[in-house]
Protein backbone atom coordinates (compact mmCIF):
# COMPACT_ATOMS: atom_id res chain seq x y z
CA MET A 1 4.23 11.01 0.79
CA GLY A 2 7.02 12.07 -1.39
CA PHE A 3 8.49 8.57 -0.90
CA ASP A 4 10.68 9.51 2.29
CA GLY A 5 13.42 8.14 0.59
CA VAL A 6 12.90 5.38 -2.10
CA GLY A 7 12.90 6.44 -5.38
CA TRP A 8 10.82 5.92 -8.20
CA LEU A 9 11.75 2.44 -9.08
CA ALA A 10 11.56 0.99 -5.25
CA ALA A 11 8.40 2.52 -5.01
CA ILE A 12 7.05 0.29 -7.75
CA LEU A 13 9.17 -2.84 -6.60
CA ILE A 14 8.28 -2.02 -2.63
CA GLY A 15 4.48 -1.62 -3.82
CA GLY A 16 4.00 -4.56 -6.29
CA LEU A 17 5.29 -6.76 -2.69
CA ALA A 18 3.10 -4.74 -0.56
CA GLY A 19 -0.20 -5.11 -3.00
CA TRP A 20 1.03 -8.97 -3.70
CA LEU A 21 1.32 -9.82 0.09
CA ALA A 22 -2.40 -7.61 0.41
CA SER A 23 -4.09 -9.48 -1.89
CA ARG A 24 -2.71 -12.79 -0.57
CA PHE A 25 -3.29 -11.68 2.70
CA MET A 26 -6.86 -10.78 2.00
CA ASN A 27 -7.65 -12.75 -0.49
CA SER A 28 -8.41 -10.90 -3.62
CA GLY A 29 -7.44 -11.90 -6.39
CA GLY A 30 -5.29 -9.13 -9.14
CA GLY A 31 -2.76 -8.68 -11.61
CA VAL A 32 0.93 -7.35 -11.34
CA LEU A 33 -0.31 -3.87 -12.30
CA MET A 34 -2.96 -4.16 -9.90
CA ASN A 35 -0.87 -5.30 -6.94
CA VAL A 36 1.58 -1.90 -8.04
CA LEU A 37 -1.24 0.51 -7.70
CA LEU A 38 -2.55 -0.94 -3.96
CA GLY A 39 0.65 -1.11 -2.85
CA ILE A 40 1.65 2.37 -4.23
CA VAL A 41 -1.58 3.76 -3.41
CA GLY A 42 -2.34 2.08 0.04
CA ALA A 43 1.32 3.20 1.20
CA ILE A 44 0.30 6.71 0.23
CA VAL A 45 -3.76 6.58 2.24
CA ALA A 46 -1.96 4.54 5.01
CA SER A 47 0.71 7.78 5.27
CA LEU A 48 -2.08 10.04 5.25
CA ILE A 49 -4.31 8.40 7.21
CA PHE A 50 -1.96 7.21 9.90
CA GLY A 51 -0.16 11.34 9.92
CA LEU A 52 -3.14 12.56 10.84
CA LEU A 53 -2.39 10.16 14.55
CA GLY A 54 1.39 10.97 14.04
CA ILE A 55 2.59 8.14 12.76
CA SER A 56 4.95 8.47 9.95
CA PHE A 57 6.72 5.48 8.09
CA GLY A 58 10.22 5.89 6.44
CA GLY A 59 12.50 3.96 4.34
CA TRP A 60 11.88 0.67 2.50
CA LEU A 61 10.64 -0.96 4.93
CA GLY A 62 8.10 1.46 6.92
CA TYR A 63 7.75 1.98 2.66
CA LEU A 64 6.33 -1.17 2.49
CA ILE A 65 3.80 -1.34 5.50
CA ALA A 66 2.57 1.59 4.97
CA GLY A 67 1.68 0.01 0.96
CA PHE A 68 0.23 -2.82 3.02
CA LEU A 69 -1.56 -1.82 5.52
CA GLY A 70 -2.99 0.42 2.33
CA ALA A 71 -3.68 -1.71 0.22
CA CYS A 72 -5.48 -4.33 2.80
CA ILE A 73 -7.96 -0.88 4.03
CA ILE A 74 -8.28 -0.36 -0.22
CA ILE A 75 -9.75 -3.76 -0.50
CA ALA A 76 -11.52 -4.22 2.66
CA ILE A 77 -13.35 0.15 1.43
CA ALA A 78 -13.90 -2.33 -2.49
CA ARG A 79 -15.13 -4.52 -1.14
CA ALA A 80 -17.13 -2.96 1.30
CA VAL A 81 -19.03 -0.85 -1.76
CA ARG A 82 -19.65 -3.64 -4.27
CA ARG A 83 -22.25 -5.26 -1.24
């Protein structure tokens, strides 16, 4: 994912918001850095997964949705591995 129309600073801010939303939705604890990482990595993961299905996300809103969905996927995988 090349941050489609979203700059680096915006990617960090949107990633932080997406990670925070996902951590609230999934009842997962984490700090600011963890939320930013979850959102950015989640957006990359979701873009790869949905890209294989022919679905693409673009712009700020798309990056937020992809980050949220990807972060939820990452949190769910981490919970499954810990058990």
